[in-house]
Amino acid sequence: MTRVPAVVSDGLRDRLRHEFSRAELAELASAIAWENNRGRLNQALGVRPSGFAEGMVCAVPEFATS
């Protein structure tokens, strides 16, 4: 979705349909589109990273299994 032109293959679309409901797919596509728009706007306005992460990543918390 973030490439120009925005093309999603039929294969990927079919795999996503098996994993997500229509509402979940709509929400996922909306979130991707929003972040893509925000990133492009920041780039166009010259907004640069603030150094909060300095190349680091956010750790995904582990879930305890019972």
C-alpha atoms as a PDB file:
ATOM      1  CA  MET A   1       0.000   0.000   0.000  1.00  0.00           C
ATOM      2  CA  THR A   2       2.860   2.394   0.566  1.00  0.00           C
ATOM      3  CA  ARG A   3       4.445   1.969  -2.859  1.00  0.00           C
ATOM      4  CA  VAL A   4       3.698   4.207  -5.801  1.00  0.00           C
ATOM      5  CA  PRO A   5       1.489   3.123  -7.446  1.00  0.00           C
ATOM      6  CA  ALA A   6      -0.287   1.401  -4.572  1.00  0.00           C
ATOM      7  CA  VAL A   7      -0.699  -2.186  -5.754  1.00  0.00           C
ATOM      8  CA  VAL A   8      -1.654  -5.149  -3.585  1.00  0.00           C
ATOM      9  CA  SER A   9      -1.415  -8.525  -5.287  1.00  0.00           C
ATOM     10  CA  ASP A  10      -4.420 -10.833  -5.462  1.00  0.00           C
ATOM     11  CA  GLY A  11      -2.417 -13.476  -3.597  1.00  0.00           C
ATOM     12  CA  LEU A  12      -1.693 -11.182  -0.671  1.00  0.00           C
ATOM     13  CA  ARG A  13      -5.274  -9.962  -0.623  1.00  0.00           C
ATOM     14  CA  ASP A  14      -6.535 -13.582  -0.514  1.00  0.00           C
ATOM     15  CA  ARG A  15      -4.165 -14.485   2.345  1.00  0.00           C
ATOM     16  CA  LEU A  16      -5.296 -11.443   4.307  1.00  0.00           C
ATOM     17  CA  ARG A  17      -8.952 -12.334   3.778  1.00  0.00           C
ATOM     18  CA  HIS A  18      -8.315 -15.713   5.392  1.00  0.00           C
ATOM     19  CA  GLU A  19      -6.697 -14.104   8.444  1.00  0.00           C
ATOM     20  CA  PHE A  20      -8.884 -11.052   9.035  1.00  0.00           C
ATOM     21  CA  SER A  21     -12.549 -10.117   8.926  1.00  0.00           C
ATOM     22  CA  ARG A  22     -13.724  -7.404   6.521  1.00  0.00           C
ATOM     23  CA  ALA A  23     -13.859  -4.920   9.411  1.00  0.00           C
ATOM     24  CA  GLU A  24     -10.333  -5.852  10.541  1.00  0.00           C
ATOM     25  CA  LEU A  25      -9.001  -5.478   6.997  1.00  0.00           C
ATOM     26  CA  ALA A  26     -10.618  -2.060   6.713  1.00  0.00           C
ATOM     27  CA  GLU A  27      -9.032  -1.001  10.006  1.00  0.00           C
ATOM     28  CA  LEU A  28      -5.629  -2.370   8.993  1.00  0.00           C
ATOM     29  CA  ALA A  29      -5.743  -0.618   5.614  1.00  0.00           C
ATOM     30  CA  SER A  30      -6.829   2.606   7.301  1.00  0.00           C
ATOM     31  CA  ALA A  31      -3.961   2.461   9.806  1.00  0.00           C
ATOM     32  CA  ILE A  32      -1.411   1.787   7.048  1.00  0.00           C
ATOM     33  CA  ALA A  33      -2.788   4.627   4.931  1.00  0.00           C
ATOM     34  CA  TRP A  34      -2.748   7.032   7.896  1.00  0.00           C
ATOM     35  CA  GLU A  35       0.879   6.233   8.814  1.00  0.00           C
ATOM     36  CA  ASN A  36       1.941   6.452   5.170  1.00  0.00           C
ATOM     37  CA  ASN A  37       0.282   9.856   4.874  1.00  0.00           C
ATOM     38  CA  ARG A  38       1.842  11.056   8.118  1.00  0.00           C
ATOM     39  CA  GLY A  39       5.301   9.907   7.061  1.00  0.00           C
ATOM     40  CA  ARG A  40       5.016  11.610   3.678  1.00  0.00           C
ATOM     41  CA  LEU A  41       3.739  14.820   5.248  1.00  0.00           C
ATOM     42  CA  ASN A  42       6.600  14.858   7.751  1.00  0.00           C
ATOM     43  CA  GLN A  43       9.109  14.300   4.967  1.00  0.00           C
ATOM     44  CA  ALA A  44       7.579  17.043   2.816  1.00  0.00           C
ATOM     45  CA  LEU A  45       7.698  19.492   5.730  1.00  0.00           C
ATOM     46  CA  GLY A  46      11.265  18.565   6.635  1.00  0.00           C
ATOM     47  CA  VAL A  47      10.360  17.038   9.992  1.00  0.00           C
ATOM     48  CA  ARG A  48      13.303  14.922  11.091  1.00  0.00           C
ATOM     49  CA  PRO A  49      13.634  12.209  13.743  1.00  0.00           C
ATOM     50  CA  SER A  50      13.874  13.553  17.284  1.00  0.00           C
ATOM     51  CA  GLY A  51      16.338  10.931  18.475  1.00  0.00           C
ATOM     52  CA  PHE A  52      14.013   9.166  20.886  1.00  0.00           C
ATOM     53  CA  ALA A  53      14.909   5.690  19.647  1.00  0.00           C
ATOM     54  CA  GLU A  54      18.344   6.308  18.082  1.00  0.00           C
ATOM     55  CA  GLY A  55      17.939   3.286  15.830  1.00  0.00           C
ATOM     56  CA  MET A  56      16.570   1.054  18.569  1.00  0.00           C
ATOM     57  CA  VAL A  57      13.345  -0.884  18.360  1.00  0.00           C
ATOM     58  CA  CYS A  58      10.443  -1.293  20.727  1.00  0.00           C
ATOM     59  CA  ALA A  59      10.481  -4.677  22.410  1.00  0.00           C
ATOM     60  CA  VAL A  60       7.305  -6.701  22.069  1.00  0.00           C
ATOM     61  CA  PRO A  61       6.222  -7.857  25.528  1.00  0.00           C
ATOM     62  CA  GLU A  62       6.107 -11.591  26.115  1.00  0.00           C
ATOM     63  CA  PHE A  63       2.820 -13.039  27.234  1.00  0.00           C
ATOM     64  CA  ALA A  64       2.875 -15.367  30.195  1.00  0.00           C
ATOM     65  CA  THR A  65       1.466 -18.789  29.455  1.00  0.00           C
ATOM     66  CA  SER A  66      -0.488 -20.576  32.121  1.00  0.00           C
END
